Amino acid sequence: MDCKGKWTFITGASRGVGREIAREMAALGSNLILQSRSVAHMQPLIKELEEIGVSLKAVACNLESETSIAFMLQEIDSMGVKVDFVFNNAGLQVPYCENYFSNEREDYVRAYAVNCLAPVQIAYHFLPKMVSNQFGRVIMTTSGIADQPELMGYSCAKAALTKFVQDFACKFNGTQVMMNMMDPGWLRTDLGGPNAPNDVETVIPGALVGAFLEDGISGRWFSAQEYSGLSLEEALSKAKTA
């Protein structure tokens, strides 16, 4: 798939997985709309990517807030560009509860807001436009976290997001609008912490597989670590035979 000149919207783009996706999509020629809590947080990445020659736009948004997300989406619409790829990547981890009976309701609320409700709100905004344009890709970042009741707010929010994709995506099968899931694996990021086994760079090319397949099948789960060390072409070939 040639993505030169297409537009990609990435949440959580200032660091971690979002930054790696932004770098790779820019290298492939895609123009970018980058989201973070503050535009200032994205200035180092913007300066880096400007040298590639793609068009760049930045939007600030608090993904815990439905209103802030709505304003951000209005701002993107006012740019007059057609968004072809959406990577709902931004995530929020909850405090680690050694006493796993003490997970607080507020931790669940914040985790659901950022890890589930925000990407759902964004998907509802862009998917109808993609259907009208007869092309589009939405990738939801999920998680394979399991057996960790110390982090139940995060775990349950990602499970809810996974269920959303699984039940909604069937509506797009057989079309060139696709919605899939990507599990980045446990990475050494601000969210994953310093004890994670994988460098953040290992998320590429696996993070892109669900967006670059052209078989019209939606609702799939792609584990990025299964494609670590491959080229994008090799990763797509592997995914097609999986």
C-alpha atoms as a PDB file:
ATOM      1  CA  MET A   1       0.000   0.000   0.000  1.00  0.00           C
ATOM      2  CA  ASP A   2       1.302   3.426  -0.942  1.00  0.00           C
ATOM      3  CA  CYS A   3       0.576   5.879   1.852  1.00  0.00           C
ATOM      4  CA  LYS A   4       2.433   8.846   0.355  1.00  0.00           C
ATOM      5  CA  GLY A   5       0.258  11.920   0.637  1.00  0.00           C
ATOM      6  CA  LYS A   6      -2.290  10.228   2.890  1.00  0.00           C
ATOM      7  CA  TRP A   7      -2.971  11.559   6.369  1.00  0.00           C
ATOM      8  CA  THR A   8      -2.411   9.641   9.600  1.00  0.00           C
ATOM      9  CA  PHE A   9      -3.773  10.657  13.001  1.00  0.00           C
ATOM     10  CA  ILE A  10      -1.877   9.287  16.006  1.00  0.00           C
ATOM     11  CA  THR A  11      -2.823   9.737  19.658  1.00  0.00           C
ATOM     12  CA  GLY A  12      -0.129   9.678  22.310  1.00  0.00           C
ATOM     13  CA  ALA A  13       2.377  10.661  19.645  1.00  0.00           C
ATOM     14  CA  SER A  14       4.924  12.536  21.752  1.00  0.00           C
ATOM     15  CA  ARG A  15       6.603   9.446  23.202  1.00  0.00           C
ATOM     16  CA  GLY A  16       6.672   5.673  23.408  1.00  0.00           C
ATOM     17  CA  VAL A  17       4.741   3.596  20.893  1.00  0.00           C
ATOM     18  CA  GLY A  18       3.017   6.615  19.366  1.00  0.00           C
ATOM     19  CA  ARG A  19       6.334   8.242  18.580  1.00  0.00           C
ATOM     20  CA  GLU A  20       7.628   5.059  16.916  1.00  0.00           C
ATOM     21  CA  ILE A  21       4.479   4.801  14.795  1.00  0.00           C
ATOM     22  CA  ALA A  22       4.822   8.462  13.808  1.00  0.00           C
ATOM     23  CA  ARG A  23       8.437   7.967  12.756  1.00  0.00           C
ATOM     24  CA  GLU A  24       7.607   4.932  10.647  1.00  0.00           C
ATOM     25  CA  MET A  25       4.541   6.421   8.981  1.00  0.00           C
ATOM     26  CA  ALA A  26       6.495   9.571   8.126  1.00  0.00           C
ATOM     27  CA  ALA A  27       9.294   7.442   6.680  1.00  0.00           C
ATOM     28  CA  LEU A  28       6.666   5.779   4.475  1.00  0.00           C
ATOM     29  CA  GLY A  29       5.562   9.193   3.222  1.00  0.00           C
ATOM     30  CA  SER A  30       2.376   9.775   5.196  1.00  0.00           C
ATOM     31  CA  ASN A  31       1.446  13.226   6.458  1.00  0.00           C
ATOM     32  CA  LEU A  32       0.761  13.292  10.184  1.00  0.00           C
ATOM     33  CA  ILE A  33      -1.623  14.771  12.731  1.00  0.00           C
ATOM     34  CA  LEU A  34      -0.038  14.238  16.133  1.00  0.00           C
ATOM     35  CA  GLN A  35      -1.861  14.358  19.468  1.00  0.00           C
ATOM     36  CA  SER A  36      -0.527  14.870  22.954  1.00  0.00           C
ATOM     37  CA  ARG A  37      -1.678  16.661  26.089  1.00  0.00           C
ATOM     38  CA  SER A  38       0.462  19.618  25.014  1.00  0.00           C
ATOM     39  CA  VAL A  39       1.708  20.694  21.603  1.00  0.00           C
ATOM     40  CA  ALA A  40       4.974  21.633  23.306  1.00  0.00           C
ATOM     41  CA  HIS A  41       5.531  17.972  24.179  1.00  0.00           C
ATOM     42  CA  MET A  42       5.633  17.152  20.467  1.00  0.00           C
ATOM     43  CA  GLN A  43       8.098  19.817  19.351  1.00  0.00           C
ATOM     44  CA  PRO A  44      11.190  17.532  19.463  1.00  0.00           C
ATOM     45  CA  LEU A  45       9.399  14.925  17.316  1.00  0.00           C
ATOM     46  CA  ILE A  46       8.070  17.558  14.919  1.00  0.00           C
ATOM     47  CA  LYS A  47      11.551  19.000  14.491  1.00  0.00           C
ATOM     48  CA  GLU A  48      12.879  15.495  13.778  1.00  0.00           C
ATOM     49  CA  LEU A  49      10.172  14.627  11.245  1.00  0.00           C
ATOM     50  CA  GLU A  50      10.255  17.972   9.429  1.00  0.00           C
ATOM     51  CA  GLU A  51      13.519  16.837   7.848  1.00  0.00           C
ATOM     52  CA  ILE A  52      11.658  13.983   6.106  1.00  0.00           C
ATOM     53  CA  GLY A  53       9.508  16.439   4.201  1.00  0.00           C
ATOM     54  CA  VAL A  54       5.991  15.300   5.125  1.00  0.00           C
ATOM     55  CA  SER A  55       3.267  17.688   6.292  1.00  0.00           C
ATOM     56  CA  LEU A  56       2.813  17.832  10.061  1.00  0.00           C
ATOM     57  CA  LYS A  57       0.052  19.140  12.278  1.00  0.00           C
ATOM     58  CA  ALA A  58      -0.243  18.944  16.064  1.00  0.00           C
ATOM     59  CA  VAL A  59      -3.280  19.004  18.338  1.00  0.00           C
ATOM     60  CA  ALA A  60      -3.462  19.170  22.114  1.00  0.00           C
ATOM     61  CA  CYS A  61      -6.122  17.169  23.924  1.00  0.00           C
ATOM     62  CA  ASN A  62      -6.877  15.773  27.367  1.00  0.00           C
ATOM     63  CA  LEU A  63      -8.165  12.330  26.479  1.00  0.00           C
ATOM     64  CA  GLU A  64      -9.813  11.981  29.894  1.00  0.00           C
ATOM     65  CA  SER A  65     -12.329  14.615  28.795  1.00  0.00           C
ATOM     66  CA  GLU A  66     -15.158  13.964  26.328  1.00  0.00           C
ATOM     67  CA  THR A  67     -15.397  17.718  25.721  1.00  0.00           C
ATOM     68  CA  SER A  68     -11.680  18.089  25.051  1.00  0.00           C
ATOM     69  CA  ILE A  69     -11.837  15.220  22.559  1.00  0.00           C
ATOM     70  CA  ALA A  70     -14.816  16.807  20.803  1.00  0.00           C
ATOM     71  CA  PHE A  71     -12.950  20.111  20.447  1.00  0.00           C
ATOM     72  CA  MET A  72      -9.900  18.258  19.100  1.00  0.00           C
ATOM     73  CA  LEU A  73     -11.990  16.446  16.495  1.00  0.00           C
ATOM     74  CA  GLN A  74     -13.543  19.743  15.415  1.00  0.00           C
ATOM     75  CA  GLU A  75     -10.044  21.176  15.037  1.00  0.00           C
ATOM     76  CA  ILE A  76      -8.985  18.238  12.867  1.00  0.00           C
ATOM     77  CA  ASP A  77     -12.103  18.594  10.713  1.00  0.00           C
ATOM     78  CA  SER A  78     -11.298  22.291  10.219  1.00  0.00           C
ATOM     79  CA  MET A  79      -7.903  21.358   8.738  1.00  0.00           C
ATOM     80  CA  GLY A  80      -9.629  20.285   5.541  1.00  0.00           C
ATOM     81  CA  VAL A  81      -7.690  17.037   5.174  1.00  0.00           C
ATOM     82  CA  LYS A  82      -8.941  13.474   4.719  1.00  0.00           C
ATOM     83  CA  VAL A  83      -7.742  11.232   7.559  1.00  0.00           C
ATOM     84  CA  ASP A  84      -6.933   7.793   6.133  1.00  0.00           C
ATOM     85  CA  PHE A  85      -5.217   6.113   9.092  1.00  0.00           C
ATOM     86  CA  VAL A  86      -6.048   6.402  12.793  1.00  0.00           C
ATOM     87  CA  PHE A  87      -3.765   4.893  15.417  1.00  0.00           C
ATOM     88  CA  ASN A  88      -5.558   5.081  18.764  1.00  0.00           C
ATOM     89  CA  ASN A  89      -2.411   4.556  20.745  1.00  0.00           C
ATOM     90  CA  ALA A  90      -2.564   6.793  23.830  1.00  0.00           C
ATOM     91  CA  GLY A  91      -2.818   4.907  27.097  1.00  0.00           C
ATOM     92  CA  LEU A  92      -2.975   5.538  30.820  1.00  0.00           C
ATOM     93  CA  GLN A  93      -1.759   3.118  33.458  1.00  0.00           C
ATOM     94  CA  VAL A  94      -3.310   2.923  36.927  1.00  0.00           C
ATOM     95  CA  PRO A  95      -1.378   2.852  40.221  1.00  0.00           C
ATOM     96  CA  TYR A  96      -0.023  -0.592  41.057  1.00  0.00           C
ATOM     97  CA  CYS A  97      -1.976  -1.932  44.051  1.00  0.00           C
ATOM     98  CA  GLU A  98       0.076  -4.380  46.089  1.00  0.00           C
ATOM     99  CA  ASN A  99      -3.118  -4.936  48.036  1.00  0.00           C
ATOM    100  CA  TYR A 100      -5.237  -5.894  45.029  1.00  0.00           C
ATOM    101  CA  PHE A 101      -8.423  -5.604  47.078  1.00  0.00           C
ATOM    102  CA  SER A 102      -7.807  -1.861  47.264  1.00  0.00           C
ATOM    103  CA  ASN A 103      -8.196  -0.875  43.603  1.00  0.00           C
ATOM    104  CA  GLU A 104     -10.105   2.405  43.744  1.00  0.00           C
ATOM    105  CA  ARG A 105     -13.111   3.324  41.657  1.00  0.00           C
ATOM    106  CA  GLU A 106     -11.422   6.495  40.420  1.00  0.00           C
ATOM    107  CA  ASP A 107      -8.599   4.424  38.940  1.00  0.00           C
ATOM    108  CA  TYR A 108     -11.162   2.461  36.925  1.00  0.00           C
ATOM    109  CA  VAL A 109     -12.874   5.670  35.799  1.00  0.00           C
ATOM    110  CA  ARG A 110      -9.653   7.302  34.545  1.00  0.00           C
ATOM    111  CA  ALA A 111      -8.451   4.082  32.907  1.00  0.00           C
ATOM    112  CA  TYR A 112     -11.735   3.573  31.066  1.00  0.00           C
ATOM    113  CA  ALA A 113     -11.812   7.215  29.974  1.00  0.00           C
ATOM    114  CA  VAL A 114      -8.405   7.142  28.265  1.00  0.00           C
ATOM    115  CA  ASN A 115      -7.970   3.473  27.319  1.00  0.00           C
ATOM    116  CA  CYS A 116     -11.491   2.728  26.107  1.00  0.00           C
ATOM    117  CA  LEU A 117     -13.906   5.646  25.840  1.00  0.00           C
ATOM    118  CA  ALA A 118     -11.482   8.039  24.127  1.00  0.00           C
ATOM    119  CA  PRO A 119     -10.554   5.664  21.283  1.00  0.00           C
ATOM    120  CA  VAL A 120     -14.204   4.691  20.882  1.00  0.00           C
ATOM    121  CA  GLN A 121     -15.234   8.344  20.608  1.00  0.00           C
ATOM    122  CA  ILE A 122     -12.497   8.947  18.043  1.00  0.00           C
ATOM    123  CA  ALA A 123     -13.460   5.841  16.070  1.00  0.00           C
ATOM    124  CA  TYR A 124     -17.116   6.873  15.945  1.00  0.00           C
ATOM    125  CA  HIS A 125     -16.000  10.203  14.504  1.00  0.00           C
ATOM    126  CA  PHE A 126     -13.725   8.940  11.750  1.00  0.00           C
ATOM    127  CA  LEU A 127     -15.302   5.640  10.688  1.00  0.00           C
ATOM    128  CA  PRO A 128     -18.363   7.147   8.942  1.00  0.00           C
ATOM    129  CA  LYS A 129     -16.048   9.452   6.989  1.00  0.00           C
ATOM    130  CA  MET A 130     -13.916   6.475   5.997  1.00  0.00           C
ATOM    131  CA  VAL A 131     -16.982   4.559   4.849  1.00  0.00           C
ATOM    132  CA  SER A 132     -18.003   7.556   2.732  1.00  0.00           C
ATOM    133  CA  ASN A 133     -14.472   7.766   1.284  1.00  0.00           C
ATOM    134  CA  GLN A 134     -14.404   3.964   0.741  1.00  0.00           C
ATOM    135  CA  PHE A 135     -11.046   3.700   2.472  1.00  0.00           C
ATOM    136  CA  GLY A 136      -9.731   3.900   5.999  1.00  0.00           C
ATOM    137  CA  ARG A 137      -7.848   2.115   8.742  1.00  0.00           C
ATOM    138  CA  VAL A 138      -8.393   2.322  12.504  1.00  0.00           C
ATOM    139  CA  ILE A 139      -5.951   0.567  14.815  1.00  0.00           C
ATOM    140  CA  MET A 140      -6.826   0.227  18.483  1.00  0.00           C
ATOM    141  CA  THR A 141      -3.945  -0.394  20.880  1.00  0.00           C
ATOM    142  CA  THR A 142      -5.019  -3.141  23.241  1.00  0.00           C
ATOM    143  CA  SER A 143      -3.068  -5.223  25.760  1.00  0.00           C
ATOM    144  CA  GLY A 144      -2.374  -8.848  26.512  1.00  0.00           C
ATOM    145  CA  ILE A 145      -2.069  -8.105  30.229  1.00  0.00           C
ATOM    146  CA  ALA A 146      -3.413 -10.994  32.304  1.00  0.00           C
ATOM    147  CA  ASP A 147      -3.408 -12.336  35.849  1.00  0.00           C
ATOM    148  CA  GLN A 148      -2.481  -9.006  37.392  1.00  0.00           C
ATOM    149  CA  PRO A 149      -5.307  -7.944  39.723  1.00  0.00           C
ATOM    150  CA  GLU A 150      -2.951  -5.221  40.951  1.00  0.00           C
ATOM    151  CA  LEU A 151      -3.719  -3.355  37.682  1.00  0.00           C
ATOM    152  CA  MET A 152      -7.371  -4.187  37.192  1.00  0.00           C
ATOM    153  CA  GLY A 153      -8.496  -0.737  36.049  1.00  0.00           C
ATOM    154  CA  TYR A 154      -6.096  -0.826  33.094  1.00  0.00           C
ATOM    155  CA  SER A 155      -6.734  -4.481  32.331  1.00  0.00           C
ATOM    156  CA  CYS A 156     -10.521  -4.154  32.316  1.00  0.00           C
ATOM    157  CA  ALA A 157     -10.444  -0.989  30.188  1.00  0.00           C
ATOM    158  CA  LYS A 158      -8.344  -2.700  27.522  1.00  0.00           C
ATOM    159  CA  ALA A 159     -10.616  -5.745  27.619  1.00  0.00           C
ATOM    160  CA  ALA A 160     -13.617  -3.491  27.011  1.00  0.00           C
ATOM    161  CA  LEU A 161     -11.862  -1.865  24.054  1.00  0.00           C
ATOM    162  CA  THR A 162     -11.053  -5.289  22.626  1.00  0.00           C
ATOM    163  CA  LYS A 163     -14.716  -6.297  22.908  1.00  0.00           C
ATOM    164  CA  PHE A 164     -15.750  -3.099  21.128  1.00  0.00           C
ATOM    165  CA  VAL A 165     -13.521  -3.901  18.154  1.00  0.00           C
ATOM    166  CA  GLN A 166     -14.504  -7.570  18.037  1.00  0.00           C
ATOM    167  CA  ASP A 167     -18.237  -6.821  17.932  1.00  0.00           C
ATOM    168  CA  PHE A 168     -18.145  -3.690  15.766  1.00  0.00           C
ATOM    169  CA  ALA A 169     -15.561  -4.631  13.150  1.00  0.00           C
ATOM    170  CA  CYS A 170     -17.762  -7.207  11.409  1.00  0.00           C
ATOM    171  CA  LYS A 171     -19.637  -4.306   9.821  1.00  0.00           C
ATOM    172  CA  PHE A 172     -16.564  -3.507   7.715  1.00  0.00           C
ATOM    173  CA  ASN A 173     -15.632  -6.977   6.479  1.00  0.00           C
ATOM    174  CA  GLY A 174     -15.254  -7.110   2.726  1.00  0.00           C
ATOM    175  CA  THR A 175     -14.639  -3.366   2.433  1.00  0.00           C
ATOM    176  CA  GLN A 176     -11.573  -1.151   2.317  1.00  0.00           C
ATOM    177  CA  VAL A 177     -12.429   0.228   5.752  1.00  0.00           C
ATOM    178  CA  MET A 178     -10.743  -1.901   8.380  1.00  0.00           C
ATOM    179  CA  MET A 179     -10.545  -1.756  12.185  1.00  0.00           C
ATOM    180  CA  ASN A 180      -8.084  -4.014  13.989  1.00  0.00           C
ATOM    181  CA  MET A 181      -6.248  -4.303  17.293  1.00  0.00           C
ATOM    182  CA  MET A 182      -2.557  -4.124  18.102  1.00  0.00           C
ATOM    183  CA  ASP A 183      -0.924  -5.431  21.271  1.00  0.00           C
ATOM    184  CA  PRO A 184       2.526  -3.796  21.544  1.00  0.00           C
ATOM    185  CA  GLY A 185       3.749  -6.215  24.211  1.00  0.00           C
ATOM    186  CA  TRP A 186       5.386  -5.256  27.482  1.00  0.00           C
ATOM    187  CA  LEU A 187       7.698  -2.381  26.585  1.00  0.00           C
ATOM    188  CA  ARG A 188      10.168  -0.205  28.429  1.00  0.00           C
ATOM    189  CA  THR A 189       8.127   2.991  28.221  1.00  0.00           C
ATOM    190  CA  ASP A 190       6.704   5.416  30.749  1.00  0.00           C
ATOM    191  CA  LEU A 191       3.629   3.181  30.867  1.00  0.00           C
ATOM    192  CA  GLY A 192       5.406  -0.185  30.836  1.00  0.00           C
ATOM    193  CA  GLY A 193       8.155   0.784  33.250  1.00  0.00           C
ATOM    194  CA  PRO A 194      11.892   0.042  33.317  1.00  0.00           C
ATOM    195  CA  ASN A 195      11.573  -3.693  34.024  1.00  0.00           C
ATOM    196  CA  ALA A 196       9.761  -4.554  30.790  1.00  0.00           C
ATOM    197  CA  PRO A 197      11.610  -7.066  28.569  1.00  0.00           C
ATOM    198  CA  ASN A 198      11.262  -5.242  25.236  1.00  0.00           C
ATOM    199  CA  ASP A 199      12.649  -2.004  23.801  1.00  0.00           C
ATOM    200  CA  VAL A 200       9.993   0.318  22.443  1.00  0.00           C
ATOM    201  CA  GLU A 201      11.547   0.093  18.964  1.00  0.00           C
ATOM    202  CA  THR A 202      10.464  -3.559  18.734  1.00  0.00           C
ATOM    203  CA  VAL A 203       6.870  -2.433  18.212  1.00  0.00           C
ATOM    204  CA  ILE A 204       7.770  -1.704  14.577  1.00  0.00           C
ATOM    205  CA  PRO A 205       6.729  -3.096  12.115  1.00  0.00           C
ATOM    206  CA  GLY A 206       4.087  -5.069  14.023  1.00  0.00           C
ATOM    207  CA  ALA A 207       2.193  -1.932  15.016  1.00  0.00           C
ATOM    208  CA  LEU A 208       1.467  -1.267  11.331  1.00  0.00           C
ATOM    209  CA  VAL A 209       0.436  -4.735  10.175  1.00  0.00           C
ATOM    210  CA  GLY A 210      -3.279  -4.334  10.899  1.00  0.00           C
ATOM    211  CA  ALA A 211      -3.333  -1.082   8.932  1.00  0.00           C
ATOM    212  CA  PHE A 212      -1.438  -2.233   5.849  1.00  0.00           C
ATOM    213  CA  LEU A 213      -3.162  -5.517   5.111  1.00  0.00           C
ATOM    214  CA  GLU A 214      -5.645  -5.174   2.254  1.00  0.00           C
ATOM    215  CA  ASP A 215      -7.746  -8.311   2.654  1.00  0.00           C
ATOM    216  CA  GLY A 216     -10.846  -6.576   3.983  1.00  0.00           C
ATOM    217  CA  ILE A 217     -10.902  -8.556   7.235  1.00  0.00           C
ATOM    218  CA  SER A 218     -11.469  -6.579  10.427  1.00  0.00           C
ATOM    219  CA  GLY A 219     -11.576  -7.337  14.134  1.00  0.00           C
ATOM    220  CA  ARG A 220      -8.203  -9.089  14.355  1.00  0.00           C
ATOM    221  CA  TRP A 221      -5.610  -8.971  17.109  1.00  0.00           C
ATOM    222  CA  PHE A 222      -1.999  -8.451  16.047  1.00  0.00           C
ATOM    223  CA  SER A 223       0.793  -8.950  18.587  1.00  0.00           C
ATOM    224  CA  ALA A 224       3.574  -6.580  17.555  1.00  0.00           C
ATOM    225  CA  GLN A 225       6.310  -8.658  19.150  1.00  0.00           C
ATOM    226  CA  GLU A 226       5.596 -11.515  16.730  1.00  0.00           C
ATOM    227  CA  TYR A 227       6.943  -9.326  13.922  1.00  0.00           C
ATOM    228  CA  SER A 228       9.945  -7.802  15.661  1.00  0.00           C
ATOM    229  CA  GLY A 229      13.066  -7.774  13.492  1.00  0.00           C
ATOM    230  CA  LEU A 230      11.145  -8.116  10.216  1.00  0.00           C
ATOM    231  CA  SER A 231      10.679  -5.592   7.454  1.00  0.00           C
ATOM    232  CA  LEU A 232       7.136  -4.356   6.920  1.00  0.00           C
ATOM    233  CA  GLU A 233       6.883  -6.453   3.757  1.00  0.00           C
ATOM    234  CA  GLU A 234       8.039  -9.567   5.643  1.00  0.00           C
ATOM    235  CA  ALA A 235       5.615  -8.834   8.463  1.00  0.00           C
ATOM    236  CA  LEU A 236       2.689  -8.496   6.070  1.00  0.00           C
ATOM    237  CA  SER A 237       3.624 -11.726   4.353  1.00  0.00           C
ATOM    238  CA  LYS A 238       3.746 -13.485   7.733  1.00  0.00           C
ATOM    239  CA  ALA A 239       0.374 -12.031   8.748  1.00  0.00           C
ATOM    240  CA  LYS A 240      -1.257 -13.200   5.519  1.00  0.00           C
ATOM    241  CA  THR A 241      -0.290 -16.809   6.223  1.00  0.00           C
ATOM    242  CA  ALA A 242      -1.101 -16.754   9.947  1.00  0.00           C
END
